[in-house]
Amino acid sequence: MSDAYTVDAVAHLYSYVHAVPEATVREAAHLRVEAMRLSDAWVAAGCSWTDPNLMVERRTLIASCAALRAAVDEQGLSANRPVS
């Protein structure tokens, strides 16, 4: 499976879950897929807690969450969604 396919799938999921256009969550999806790739590489390398890529993965996940939050807030829909 290619990263482009995975980005499309994650963007579609985010779009559906948050009721926003896919284009608005595409950057968040791209960052999330990059974090997945980094996580897979960390696991393949042996899961060392001292691996510097672990911090890169963390920062990428945080950036993904921030981008998703910004995209949803930009659409003005986050206040209309019930919290579950």
N, C-alpha and C. Protein backbone atom coordinates (compact mmCIF):
# COMPACT_ATOMS: atom_id res chain seq x y z
N MET A 1 0.85 -1.17 0.00
CA MET A 1 0.00 0.00 0.00
C MET A 1 0.90 1.24 0.00
N SER A 2 0.58 2.19 -0.85
CA SER A 2 1.41 3.40 -0.96
C SER A 2 0.99 4.44 0.07
N ASP A 3 1.92 5.36 0.36
CA ASP A 3 1.60 6.46 1.27
C ASP A 3 0.46 7.31 0.72
N ALA A 4 0.43 7.52 -0.60
CA ALA A 4 -0.63 8.33 -1.20
C ALA A 4 -2.00 7.69 -0.96
N TYR A 5 -2.07 6.38 -1.11
CA TYR A 5 -3.32 5.67 -0.86
C TYR A 5 -3.72 5.81 0.61
N THR A 6 -2.75 5.68 1.50
CA THR A 6 -3.03 5.77 2.93
C THR A 6 -3.46 7.19 3.30
N VAL A 7 -2.80 8.20 2.74
CA VAL A 7 -3.21 9.59 2.99
C VAL A 7 -4.65 9.80 2.52
N ASP A 8 -4.99 9.28 1.35
CA ASP A 8 -6.37 9.39 0.85
C ASP A 8 -7.35 8.75 1.83
N ALA A 9 -7.01 7.57 2.32
CA ALA A 9 -7.89 6.85 3.24
C ALA A 9 -8.06 7.61 4.56
N VAL A 10 -6.97 8.11 5.11
CA VAL A 10 -7.05 8.85 6.38
C VAL A 10 -7.81 10.16 6.18
N ALA A 11 -7.56 10.85 5.07
CA ALA A 11 -8.29 12.10 4.79
C ALA A 11 -9.78 11.82 4.66
N HIS A 12 -10.12 10.73 4.00
CA HIS A 12 -11.54 10.36 3.85
C HIS A 12 -12.16 10.07 5.22
N LEU A 13 -11.44 9.35 6.05
CA LEU A 13 -11.92 9.05 7.40
C LEU A 13 -12.12 10.33 8.21
N TYR A 14 -11.11 11.19 8.23
CA TYR A 14 -11.22 12.45 8.96
C TYR A 14 -12.38 13.29 8.44
N SER A 15 -12.53 13.32 7.14
CA SER A 15 -13.62 14.09 6.52
C SER A 15 -14.98 13.56 6.99
N TYR A 16 -15.11 12.26 6.99
CA TYR A 16 -16.38 11.64 7.39
C TYR A 16 -16.66 11.87 8.88
N VAL A 17 -15.67 11.59 9.71
CA VAL A 17 -15.86 11.69 11.16
C VAL A 17 -16.15 13.12 11.61
N HIS A 18 -15.46 14.08 10.99
CA HIS A 18 -15.59 15.47 11.42
C HIS A 18 -16.51 16.30 10.54
N ALA A 19 -17.11 15.66 9.53
CA ALA A 19 -18.07 16.32 8.63
C ALA A 19 -17.49 17.59 8.00
N VAL A 20 -16.29 17.44 7.44
CA VAL A 20 -15.62 18.55 6.75
C VAL A 20 -15.14 18.05 5.39
N PRO A 21 -14.89 18.96 4.45
CA PRO A 21 -14.37 18.54 3.15
C PRO A 21 -12.98 17.89 3.30
N GLU A 22 -12.72 16.89 2.48
CA GLU A 22 -11.43 16.18 2.55
C GLU A 22 -10.25 17.12 2.38
N ALA A 23 -10.39 18.10 1.52
CA ALA A 23 -9.27 19.01 1.26
C ALA A 23 -8.82 19.73 2.53
N THR A 24 -9.75 19.97 3.45
CA THR A 24 -9.41 20.71 4.66
C THR A 24 -8.62 19.88 5.67
N VAL A 25 -8.70 18.56 5.57
CA VAL A 25 -8.00 17.69 6.52
C VAL A 25 -6.84 16.93 5.89
N ARG A 26 -6.54 17.25 4.65
CA ARG A 26 -5.49 16.53 3.91
C ARG A 26 -4.11 16.69 4.57
N GLU A 27 -3.77 17.88 5.02
CA GLU A 27 -2.46 18.08 5.67
C GLU A 27 -2.39 17.26 6.96
N ALA A 28 -3.45 17.24 7.73
CA ALA A 28 -3.48 16.43 8.96
C ALA A 28 -3.31 14.96 8.62
N ALA A 29 -3.96 14.51 7.57
CA ALA A 29 -3.84 13.11 7.14
C ALA A 29 -2.41 12.81 6.71
N HIS A 30 -1.82 13.70 5.95
CA HIS A 30 -0.43 13.51 5.49
C HIS A 30 0.51 13.38 6.70
N LEU A 31 0.34 14.25 7.67
CA LEU A 31 1.19 14.20 8.86
C LEU A 31 0.96 12.92 9.66
N ARG A 32 -0.29 12.48 9.74
CA ARG A 32 -0.60 11.24 10.48
C ARG A 32 0.05 10.05 9.81
N VAL A 33 0.00 10.01 8.49
CA VAL A 33 0.62 8.90 7.75
C VAL A 33 2.15 8.94 7.92
N GLU A 34 2.72 10.13 7.93
CA GLU A 34 4.16 10.25 8.17
C GLU A 34 4.50 9.72 9.57
N ALA A 35 3.67 10.02 10.56
CA ALA A 35 3.89 9.51 11.91
C ALA A 35 3.77 7.98 11.94
N MET A 36 2.85 7.43 11.17
CA MET A 36 2.73 5.97 11.08
C MET A 36 4.01 5.36 10.50
N ARG A 37 4.52 5.99 9.45
CA ARG A 37 5.75 5.51 8.81
C ARG A 37 6.91 5.55 9.80
N LEU A 38 7.02 6.64 10.54
CA LEU A 38 8.07 6.77 11.55
C LEU A 38 7.91 5.72 12.65
N SER A 39 6.70 5.46 13.05
CA SER A 39 6.44 4.45 14.08
C SER A 39 6.83 3.07 13.59
N ASP A 40 6.46 2.75 12.35
CA ASP A 40 6.84 1.46 11.78
C ASP A 40 8.35 1.30 11.73
N ALA A 41 9.06 2.37 11.36
CA ALA A 41 10.52 2.33 11.29
C ALA A 41 11.11 2.14 12.68
N TRP A 42 10.53 2.81 13.68
CA TRP A 42 11.01 2.67 15.06
C TRP A 42 10.85 1.23 15.54
N VAL A 43 9.69 0.64 15.25
CA VAL A 43 9.46 -0.76 15.64
C VAL A 43 10.44 -1.68 14.92
N ALA A 44 10.61 -1.46 13.62
CA ALA A 44 11.53 -2.30 12.85
C ALA A 44 12.97 -2.19 13.35
N ALA A 45 13.31 -1.03 13.91
CA ALA A 45 14.67 -0.81 14.42
C ALA A 45 14.85 -1.34 15.84
N GLY A 46 13.80 -1.87 16.44
CA GLY A 46 13.95 -2.49 17.76
C GLY A 46 13.31 -1.76 18.93
N CYS A 47 12.58 -0.68 18.69
CA CYS A 47 11.83 0.02 19.74
C CYS A 47 12.70 0.62 20.84
N SER A 48 13.83 1.15 20.49
CA SER A 48 14.70 1.75 21.50
C SER A 48 14.13 3.10 21.95
N TRP A 49 14.03 3.26 23.28
CA TRP A 49 13.52 4.52 23.83
C TRP A 49 14.50 5.67 23.62
N THR A 50 15.73 5.36 23.27
CA THR A 50 16.72 6.40 23.03
C THR A 50 16.85 6.75 21.54
N ASP A 51 16.08 6.11 20.70
CA ASP A 51 16.10 6.39 19.26
C ASP A 51 15.61 7.82 19.02
N PRO A 52 16.41 8.68 18.39
CA PRO A 52 16.00 10.07 18.15
C PRO A 52 14.76 10.18 17.27
N ASN A 53 14.49 9.14 16.47
CA ASN A 53 13.30 9.20 15.63
C ASN A 53 12.00 9.10 16.43
N LEU A 54 12.09 8.63 17.65
CA LEU A 54 10.90 8.57 18.50
C LEU A 54 10.39 9.98 18.80
N MET A 55 11.29 10.93 19.03
CA MET A 55 10.89 12.31 19.26
C MET A 55 10.32 12.93 17.97
N VAL A 56 10.89 12.57 16.84
CA VAL A 56 10.38 13.07 15.56
C VAL A 56 8.96 12.55 15.35
N GLU A 57 8.75 11.28 15.67
CA GLU A 57 7.40 10.71 15.55
C GLU A 57 6.42 11.47 16.45
N ARG A 58 6.81 11.71 17.68
CA ARG A 58 5.95 12.43 18.63
C ARG A 58 5.59 13.82 18.10
N ARG A 59 6.59 14.53 17.62
CA ARG A 59 6.33 15.88 17.08
C ARG A 59 5.42 15.83 15.87
N THR A 60 5.58 14.81 15.05
CA THR A 60 4.74 14.67 13.87
C THR A 60 3.30 14.35 14.27
N LEU A 61 3.12 13.51 15.27
CA LEU A 61 1.76 13.22 15.76
C LEU A 61 1.10 14.48 16.33
N ILE A 62 1.86 15.25 17.09
CA ILE A 62 1.32 16.49 17.65
C ILE A 62 0.95 17.46 16.53
N ALA A 63 1.80 17.56 15.52
CA ALA A 63 1.50 18.44 14.38
C ALA A 63 0.25 17.97 13.65
N SER A 64 0.09 16.66 13.53
CA SER A 64 -1.09 16.10 12.88
C SER A 64 -2.36 16.46 13.65
N CYS A 65 -2.31 16.29 14.96
CA CYS A 65 -3.48 16.63 15.79
C CYS A 65 -3.79 18.12 15.71
N ALA A 66 -2.76 18.94 15.73
CA ALA A 66 -2.97 20.39 15.64
C ALA A 66 -3.57 20.77 14.29
N ALA A 67 -3.08 20.14 13.22
CA ALA A 67 -3.62 20.43 11.89
C ALA A 67 -5.06 19.98 11.77
N LEU A 68 -5.38 18.84 12.34
CA LEU A 68 -6.77 18.36 12.30
C LEU A 68 -7.67 19.29 13.09
N ARG A 69 -7.24 19.68 14.27
CA ARG A 69 -8.04 20.60 15.09
C ARG A 69 -8.26 21.93 14.36
N ALA A 70 -7.22 22.45 13.75
CA ALA A 70 -7.33 23.72 13.02
C ALA A 70 -8.28 23.59 11.84
N ALA A 71 -8.20 22.48 11.13
CA ALA A 71 -9.07 22.27 9.97
C ALA A 71 -10.54 22.18 10.39
N VAL A 72 -10.80 21.47 11.47
CA VAL A 72 -12.18 21.32 11.94
C VAL A 72 -12.68 22.65 12.48
N ASP A 73 -11.86 23.34 13.26
CA ASP A 73 -12.26 24.64 13.80
C ASP A 73 -12.49 25.66 12.68
N GLU A 74 -11.66 25.59 11.65
CA GLU A 74 -11.80 26.51 10.52
C GLU A 74 -13.16 26.36 9.83
N GLN A 75 -13.67 25.14 9.83
CA GLN A 75 -14.97 24.89 9.22
C GLN A 75 -16.12 25.33 10.12
N GLY A 76 -15.80 25.66 11.37
CA GLY A 76 -16.83 26.12 12.30
C GLY A 76 -17.79 25.04 12.75
N LEU A 77 -17.36 23.81 12.63
CA LEU A 77 -18.26 22.71 12.96
C LEU A 77 -17.96 22.04 14.29
N SER A 78 -16.81 22.32 14.85
CA SER A 78 -16.44 21.59 16.08
C SER A 78 -17.40 21.86 17.22
N ALA A 79 -17.95 23.05 17.29
CA ALA A 79 -18.89 23.38 18.36
C ALA A 79 -20.23 22.70 18.16
N ASN A 80 -20.51 22.26 16.94
CA ASN A 80 -21.80 21.63 16.63
C ASN A 80 -21.78 20.14 16.79
N ARG A 81 -20.62 19.56 17.08
CA ARG A 81 -20.49 18.11 17.19
C ARG A 81 -20.62 17.70 18.64
N PRO A 82 -21.47 16.74 18.94
CA PRO A 82 -21.57 16.26 20.32
C PRO A 82 -20.29 15.56 20.74
N VAL A 83 -19.93 15.69 21.99
CA VAL A 83 -18.77 15.01 22.54
C VAL A 83 -19.22 13.63 22.99
N SER A 84 -18.50 12.60 22.56
CA SER A 84 -18.89 11.24 22.96
C SER A 84 -17.88 10.63 23.87
